[in-house]
Amino acid sequence: MIEDLSKGKTRSQFDSKISEEKLSEIFKRQRLIAYFANIDLDVSAFTTGQIEHLAKLSDSEKSQWSVSAKSN
């Protein structure tokens, strides 16, 4: 294994940590996309930050996004 001198970890341990963090972000994004699909709003092209912002909106604000997305 290659030694990652900056962290004192082997390369495979370093890659595993990156993979776990990235997978966590991907799963979080997928859960949010699925949530918005339930209200007929396709957010798959949005950035994660935009999706997280939408998740914080009230239900009436989300439904307005849903209506405007359907009309486009």
PDB file of N, CA and C in Angstrom:
ATOM      1  N   MET A   1       0.830  -1.189   0.000  1.00  0.00           N
ATOM      2  CA  MET A   1       0.000   0.000   0.000  1.00  0.00           C
ATOM      3  C   MET A   1       0.872   1.250   0.000  1.00  0.00           C
ATOM      4  N   ILE A   2       0.364   2.286  -0.615  1.00  0.00           N
ATOM      5  CA  ILE A   2       1.096   3.550  -0.678  1.00  0.00           C
ATOM      6  C   ILE A   2       0.818   4.350   0.592  1.00  0.00           C
ATOM      7  N   GLU A   3       1.849   4.898   1.168  1.00  0.00           N
ATOM      8  CA  GLU A   3       1.705   5.684   2.397  1.00  0.00           C
ATOM      9  C   GLU A   3       1.298   7.112   2.046  1.00  0.00           C
ATOM     10  N   ASP A   4       0.238   7.588   2.638  1.00  0.00           N
ATOM     11  CA  ASP A   4      -0.168   8.983   2.481  1.00  0.00           C
ATOM     12  C   ASP A   4       0.516   9.767   3.591  1.00  0.00           C
ATOM     13  N   LEU A   5       1.631  10.395   3.261  1.00  0.00           N
ATOM     14  CA  LEU A   5       2.469  11.029   4.282  1.00  0.00           C
ATOM     15  C   LEU A   5       1.790  12.217   4.957  1.00  0.00           C
ATOM     16  N   SER A   6       0.912  12.902   4.257  1.00  0.00           N
ATOM     17  CA  SER A   6       0.275  14.081   4.852  1.00  0.00           C
ATOM     18  C   SER A   6      -0.683  13.705   5.973  1.00  0.00           C
ATOM     19  N   LYS A   7      -1.242  12.528   5.940  1.00  0.00           N
ATOM     20  CA  LYS A   7      -2.219  12.114   6.943  1.00  0.00           C
ATOM     21  C   LYS A   7      -1.723  10.972   7.818  1.00  0.00           C
ATOM     22  N   GLY A   8      -0.635  10.332   7.416  1.00  0.00           N
ATOM     23  CA  GLY A   8      -0.137   9.195   8.173  1.00  0.00           C
ATOM     24  C   GLY A   8      -1.009   7.965   8.004  1.00  0.00           C
ATOM     25  N   LYS A   9      -1.757   7.908   6.927  1.00  0.00           N
ATOM     26  CA  LYS A   9      -2.634   6.770   6.664  1.00  0.00           C
ATOM     27  C   LYS A   9      -2.195   6.101   5.370  1.00  0.00           C
ATOM     28  N   THR A  10      -2.566   4.863   5.217  1.00  0.00           N
ATOM     29  CA  THR A  10      -2.297   4.210   3.947  1.00  0.00           C
ATOM     30  C   THR A  10      -3.258   4.762   2.907  1.00  0.00           C
ATOM     31  N   ARG A  11      -2.902   4.596   1.676  1.00  0.00           N
ATOM     32  CA  ARG A  11      -3.726   5.125   0.584  1.00  0.00           C
ATOM     33  C   ARG A  11      -5.127   4.525   0.604  1.00  0.00           C
ATOM     34  N   SER A  12      -5.247   3.247   0.870  1.00  0.00           N
ATOM     35  CA  SER A  12      -6.571   2.620   0.868  1.00  0.00           C
ATOM     36  C   SER A  12      -7.447   3.161   1.997  1.00  0.00           C
ATOM     37  N   GLN A  13      -6.861   3.445   3.163  1.00  0.00           N
ATOM     38  CA  GLN A  13      -7.636   4.034   4.257  1.00  0.00           C
ATOM     39  C   GLN A  13      -8.106   5.433   3.873  1.00  0.00           C
ATOM     40  N   PHE A  14      -7.244   6.189   3.218  1.00  0.00           N
ATOM     41  CA  PHE A  14      -7.581   7.540   2.781  1.00  0.00           C
ATOM     42  C   PHE A  14      -8.712   7.485   1.750  1.00  0.00           C
ATOM     43  N   ASP A  15      -8.607   6.584   0.776  1.00  0.00           N
ATOM     44  CA  ASP A  15      -9.646   6.429  -0.246  1.00  0.00           C
ATOM     45  C   ASP A  15     -10.973   6.012   0.372  1.00  0.00           C
ATOM     46  N   SER A  16     -10.935   5.146   1.372  1.00  0.00           N
ATOM     47  CA  SER A  16     -12.163   4.697   2.024  1.00  0.00           C
ATOM     48  C   SER A  16     -12.876   5.859   2.691  1.00  0.00           C
ATOM     49  N   LYS A  17     -12.136   6.727   3.339  1.00  0.00           N
ATOM     50  CA  LYS A  17     -12.735   7.880   4.011  1.00  0.00           C
ATOM     51  C   LYS A  17     -13.394   8.802   2.988  1.00  0.00           C
ATOM     52  N   ILE A  18     -12.713   9.054   1.892  1.00  0.00           N
ATOM     53  CA  ILE A  18     -13.287   9.898   0.846  1.00  0.00           C
ATOM     54  C   ILE A  18     -14.549   9.245   0.301  1.00  0.00           C
ATOM     55  N   SER A  19     -14.492   7.975   0.056  1.00  0.00           N
ATOM     56  CA  SER A  19     -15.636   7.268  -0.502  1.00  0.00           C
ATOM     57  C   SER A  19     -16.837   7.328   0.432  1.00  0.00           C
ATOM     58  N   GLU A  20     -16.625   7.130   1.725  1.00  0.00           N
ATOM     59  CA  GLU A  20     -17.723   7.173   2.693  1.00  0.00           C
ATOM     60  C   GLU A  20     -18.361   8.553   2.737  1.00  0.00           C
ATOM     61  N   GLU A  21     -17.543   9.599   2.735  1.00  0.00           N
ATOM     62  CA  GLU A  21     -18.071  10.964   2.768  1.00  0.00           C
ATOM     63  C   GLU A  21     -18.848  11.266   1.494  1.00  0.00           C
ATOM     64  N   LYS A  22     -18.314  10.864   0.360  1.00  0.00           N
ATOM     65  CA  LYS A  22     -18.970  11.116  -0.925  1.00  0.00           C
ATOM     66  C   LYS A  22     -20.276  10.335  -1.013  1.00  0.00           C
ATOM     67  N   LEU A  23     -20.266   9.091  -0.588  1.00  0.00           N
ATOM     68  CA  LEU A  23     -21.487   8.292  -0.609  1.00  0.00           C
ATOM     69  C   LEU A  23     -22.558   8.893   0.281  1.00  0.00           C
ATOM     70  N   SER A  24     -22.169   9.385   1.438  1.00  0.00           N
ATOM     71  CA  SER A  24     -23.118  10.013   2.344  1.00  0.00           C
ATOM     72  C   SER A  24     -23.775  11.214   1.671  1.00  0.00           C
ATOM     73  N   GLU A  25     -22.972  12.024   0.986  1.00  0.00           N
ATOM     74  CA  GLU A  25     -23.506  13.188   0.277  1.00  0.00           C
ATOM     75  C   GLU A  25     -24.443  12.764  -0.855  1.00  0.00           C
ATOM     76  N   ILE A  26     -24.048  11.740  -1.586  1.00  0.00           N
ATOM     77  CA  ILE A  26     -24.876  11.247  -2.693  1.00  0.00           C
ATOM     78  C   ILE A  26     -26.202  10.715  -2.171  1.00  0.00           C
ATOM     79  N   PHE A  27     -26.170   9.926  -1.096  1.00  0.00           N
ATOM     80  CA  PHE A  27     -27.412   9.376  -0.545  1.00  0.00           C
ATOM     81  C   PHE A  27     -28.320  10.475  -0.020  1.00  0.00           C
ATOM     82  N   LYS A  28     -27.735  11.478   0.620  1.00  0.00           N
ATOM     83  CA  LYS A  28     -28.533  12.608   1.110  1.00  0.00           C
ATOM     84  C   LYS A  28     -29.214  13.301  -0.065  1.00  0.00           C
ATOM     85  N   ARG A  29     -28.467  13.536  -1.125  1.00  0.00           N
ATOM     86  CA  ARG A  29     -29.011  14.179  -2.327  1.00  0.00           C
ATOM     87  C   ARG A  29     -30.126  13.330  -2.931  1.00  0.00           C
ATOM     88  N   GLN A  30     -29.916  12.018  -3.007  1.00  0.00           N
ATOM     89  CA  GLN A  30     -30.926  11.134  -3.589  1.00  0.00           C
ATOM     90  C   GLN A  30     -32.204  11.118  -2.762  1.00  0.00           C
ATOM     91  N   ARG A  31     -32.076  11.142  -1.440  1.00  0.00           N
ATOM     92  CA  ARG A  31     -33.271  11.190  -0.580  1.00  0.00           C
ATOM     93  C   ARG A  31     -34.051  12.472  -0.819  1.00  0.00           C
ATOM     94  N   LEU A  32     -33.354  13.594  -0.949  1.00  0.00           N
ATOM     95  CA  LEU A  32     -34.028  14.865  -1.205  1.00  0.00           C
ATOM     96  C   LEU A  32     -34.688  14.871  -2.582  1.00  0.00           C
ATOM     97  N   ILE A  33     -34.013  14.321  -3.587  1.00  0.00           N
ATOM     98  CA  ILE A  33     -34.599  14.241  -4.929  1.00  0.00           C
ATOM     99  C   ILE A  33     -35.864  13.396  -4.893  1.00  0.00           C
ATOM    100  N   ALA A  34     -35.820  12.280  -4.183  1.00  0.00           N
ATOM    101  CA  ALA A  34     -37.002  11.416  -4.068  1.00  0.00           C
ATOM    102  C   ALA A  34     -38.132  12.135  -3.342  1.00  0.00           C
ATOM    103  N   TYR A  35     -37.792  12.889  -2.307  1.00  0.00           N
ATOM    104  CA  TYR A  35     -38.809  13.650  -1.572  1.00  0.00           C
ATOM    105  C   TYR A  35     -39.521  14.622  -2.507  1.00  0.00           C
ATOM    106  N   PHE A  36     -38.760  15.367  -3.286  1.00  0.00           N
ATOM    107  CA  PHE A  36     -39.376  16.345  -4.178  1.00  0.00           C
ATOM    108  C   PHE A  36     -40.112  15.676  -5.333  1.00  0.00           C
ATOM    109  N   ALA A  37     -39.705  14.499  -5.728  1.00  0.00           N
ATOM    110  CA  ALA A  37     -40.433  13.766  -6.766  1.00  0.00           C
ATOM    111  C   ALA A  37     -41.839  13.428  -6.281  1.00  0.00           C
ATOM    112  N   ASN A  38     -41.987  13.222  -4.975  1.00  0.00           N
ATOM    113  CA  ASN A  38     -43.309  12.940  -4.409  1.00  0.00           C
ATOM    114  C   ASN A  38     -44.265  14.113  -4.553  1.00  0.00           C
ATOM    115  N   ILE A  39     -43.739  15.323  -4.676  1.00  0.00           N
ATOM    116  CA  ILE A  39     -44.614  16.479  -4.904  1.00  0.00           C
ATOM    117  C   ILE A  39     -44.473  16.960  -6.356  1.00  0.00           C
ATOM    118  N   ASP A  40     -44.106  16.034  -7.228  1.00  0.00           N
ATOM    119  CA  ASP A  40     -44.002  16.281  -8.670  1.00  0.00           C
ATOM    120  C   ASP A  40     -43.046  17.407  -9.030  1.00  0.00           C
ATOM    121  N   LEU A  41     -41.927  17.462  -8.362  1.00  0.00           N
ATOM    122  CA  LEU A  41     -40.913  18.464  -8.678  1.00  0.00           C
ATOM    123  C   LEU A  41     -39.597  17.743  -8.933  1.00  0.00           C
ATOM    124  N   ASP A  42     -39.140  17.779 -10.180  1.00  0.00           N
ATOM    125  CA  ASP A  42     -37.890  17.118 -10.544  1.00  0.00           C
ATOM    126  C   ASP A  42     -36.728  18.061 -10.259  1.00  0.00           C
ATOM    127  N   VAL A  43     -35.944  17.740  -9.257  1.00  0.00           N
ATOM    128  CA  VAL A  43     -34.819  18.592  -8.869  1.00  0.00           C
ATOM    129  C   VAL A  43     -33.479  17.924  -9.174  1.00  0.00           C
ATOM    130  N   SER A  44     -33.489  16.891  -9.995  1.00  0.00           N
ATOM    131  CA  SER A  44     -32.261  16.136 -10.240  1.00  0.00           C
ATOM    132  C   SER A  44     -31.171  16.975 -10.910  1.00  0.00           C
ATOM    133  N   ALA A  45     -31.549  18.039 -11.611  1.00  0.00           N
ATOM    134  CA  ALA A  45     -30.550  18.891 -12.261  1.00  0.00           C
ATOM    135  C   ALA A  45     -30.060  20.010 -11.342  1.00  0.00           C
ATOM    136  N   PHE A  46     -30.658  20.146 -10.174  1.00  0.00           N
ATOM    137  CA  PHE A  46     -30.285  21.206  -9.238  1.00  0.00           C
ATOM    138  C   PHE A  46     -29.004  20.829  -8.502  1.00  0.00           C
ATOM    139  N   THR A  47     -28.314  21.825  -7.986  1.00  0.00           N
ATOM    140  CA  THR A  47     -27.149  21.552  -7.140  1.00  0.00           C
ATOM    141  C   THR A  47     -27.644  21.079  -5.778  1.00  0.00           C
ATOM    142  N   THR A  48     -26.781  20.443  -5.031  1.00  0.00           N
ATOM    143  CA  THR A  48     -27.152  19.982  -3.692  1.00  0.00           C
ATOM    144  C   THR A  48     -27.573  21.164  -2.822  1.00  0.00           C
ATOM    145  N   GLY A  49     -26.881  22.283  -2.935  1.00  0.00           N
ATOM    146  CA  GLY A  49     -27.230  23.473  -2.163  1.00  0.00           C
ATOM    147  C   GLY A  49     -28.624  23.982  -2.481  1.00  0.00           C
ATOM    148  N   GLN A  50     -28.992  23.976  -3.763  1.00  0.00           N
ATOM    149  CA  GLN A  50     -30.333  24.410  -4.159  1.00  0.00           C
ATOM    150  C   GLN A  50     -31.389  23.461  -3.608  1.00  0.00           C
ATOM    151  N   ILE A  51     -31.116  22.180  -3.658  1.00  0.00           N
ATOM    152  CA  ILE A  51     -32.067  21.189  -3.146  1.00  0.00           C
ATOM    153  C   ILE A  51     -32.241  21.368  -1.639  1.00  0.00           C
ATOM    154  N   GLU A  52     -31.136  21.569  -0.921  1.00  0.00           N
ATOM    155  CA  GLU A  52     -31.225  21.773   0.526  1.00  0.00           C
ATOM    156  C   GLU A  52     -32.007  23.041   0.852  1.00  0.00           C
ATOM    157  N   HIS A  53     -31.852  24.084   0.049  1.00  0.00           N
ATOM    158  CA  HIS A  53     -32.618  25.317   0.257  1.00  0.00           C
ATOM    159  C   HIS A  53     -34.109  25.041   0.065  1.00  0.00           C
ATOM    160  N   LEU A  54     -34.454  24.326  -0.987  1.00  0.00           N
ATOM    161  CA  LEU A  54     -35.860  23.986  -1.226  1.00  0.00           C
ATOM    162  C   LEU A  54     -36.437  23.170  -0.081  1.00  0.00           C
ATOM    163  N   ALA A  55     -35.627  22.287   0.484  1.00  0.00           N
ATOM    164  CA  ALA A  55     -36.103  21.432   1.577  1.00  0.00           C
ATOM    165  C   ALA A  55     -36.493  22.253   2.798  1.00  0.00           C
ATOM    166  N   LYS A  56     -35.899  23.423   2.956  1.00  0.00           N
ATOM    167  CA  LYS A  56     -36.183  24.271   4.112  1.00  0.00           C
ATOM    168  C   LYS A  56     -37.432  25.130   3.925  1.00  0.00           C
ATOM    169  N   LEU A  57     -37.969  25.191   2.714  1.00  0.00           N
ATOM    170  CA  LEU A  57     -39.143  26.017   2.445  1.00  0.00           C
ATOM    171  C   LEU A  57     -40.395  25.403   3.058  1.00  0.00           C
ATOM    172  N   SER A  58     -41.391  26.235   3.272  1.00  0.00           N
ATOM    173  CA  SER A  58     -42.671  25.734   3.787  1.00  0.00           C
ATOM    174  C   SER A  58     -43.380  24.933   2.695  1.00  0.00           C
ATOM    175  N   ASP A  59     -44.392  24.163   3.078  1.00  0.00           N
ATOM    176  CA  ASP A  59     -45.122  23.349   2.111  1.00  0.00           C
ATOM    177  C   ASP A  59     -45.764  24.203   1.020  1.00  0.00           C
ATOM    178  N   SER A  60     -46.314  25.359   1.382  1.00  0.00           N
ATOM    179  CA  SER A  60     -46.950  26.205   0.368  1.00  0.00           C
ATOM    180  C   SER A  60     -45.915  26.750  -0.615  1.00  0.00           C
ATOM    181  N   GLU A  61     -44.728  27.080  -0.120  1.00  0.00           N
ATOM    182  CA  GLU A  61     -43.663  27.543  -1.010  1.00  0.00           C
ATOM    183  C   GLU A  61     -43.200  26.413  -1.931  1.00  0.00           C
ATOM    184  N   LYS A  62     -43.121  25.194  -1.396  1.00  0.00           N
ATOM    185  CA  LYS A  62     -42.733  24.045  -2.218  1.00  0.00           C
ATOM    186  C   LYS A  62     -43.763  23.789  -3.308  1.00  0.00           C
ATOM    187  N   SER A  63     -45.041  23.930  -2.974  1.00  0.00           N
ATOM    188  CA  SER A  63     -46.076  23.676  -3.976  1.00  0.00           C
ATOM    189  C   SER A  63     -46.029  24.723  -5.080  1.00  0.00           C
ATOM    190  N   GLN A  64     -45.646  25.957  -4.757  1.00  0.00           N
ATOM    191  CA  GLN A  64     -45.490  26.981  -5.787  1.00  0.00           C
ATOM    192  C   GLN A  64     -44.369  26.602  -6.750  1.00  0.00           C
ATOM    193  N   TRP A  65     -43.279  26.053  -6.227  1.00  0.00           N
ATOM    194  CA  TRP A  65     -42.196  25.577  -7.078  1.00  0.00           C
ATOM    195  C   TRP A  65     -42.698  24.444  -7.959  1.00  0.00           C
ATOM    196  N   SER A  66     -43.505  23.580  -7.378  1.00  0.00           N
ATOM    197  CA  SER A  66     -44.027  22.438  -8.117  1.00  0.00           C
ATOM    198  C   SER A  66     -44.889  22.905  -9.275  1.00  0.00           C
ATOM    199  N   VAL A  67     -45.774  23.868  -9.035  1.00  0.00           N
ATOM    200  CA  VAL A  67     -46.659  24.385 -10.082  1.00  0.00           C
ATOM    201  C   VAL A  67     -45.846  25.063 -11.174  1.00  0.00           C
ATOM    202  N   SER A  68     -44.871  25.882 -10.798  1.00  0.00           N
ATOM    203  CA  SER A  68     -44.078  26.582 -11.809  1.00  0.00           C
ATOM    204  C   SER A  68     -43.203  25.610 -12.596  1.00  0.00           C
ATOM    205  N   ALA A  69     -42.728  24.559 -11.968  1.00  0.00           N
ATOM    206  CA  ALA A  69     -41.913  23.571 -12.669  1.00  0.00           C
ATOM    207  C   ALA A  69     -42.748  22.804 -13.686  1.00  0.00           C
ATOM    208  N   LYS A  70     -44.003  22.518 -13.348  1.00  0.00           N
ATOM    209  CA  LYS A  70     -44.876  21.799 -14.277  1.00  0.00           C
ATOM    210  C   LYS A  70     -45.213  22.657 -15.488  1.00  0.00           C
ATOM    211  N   SER A  71     -45.330  23.972 -15.299  1.00  0.00           N
ATOM    212  CA  SER A  71     -45.724  24.839 -16.399  1.00  0.00           C
ATOM    213  C   SER A  71     -44.573  25.120 -17.354  1.00  0.00           C
ATOM    214  N   ASN A  72     -43.352  24.825 -16.934  1.00  0.00           N
ATOM    215  CA  ASN A  72     -42.191  25.091 -17.806  1.00  0.00           C
ATOM    216  C   ASN A  72     -41.938  23.969 -18.744  1.00  0.00           C
TER     217      ASN A  72
END
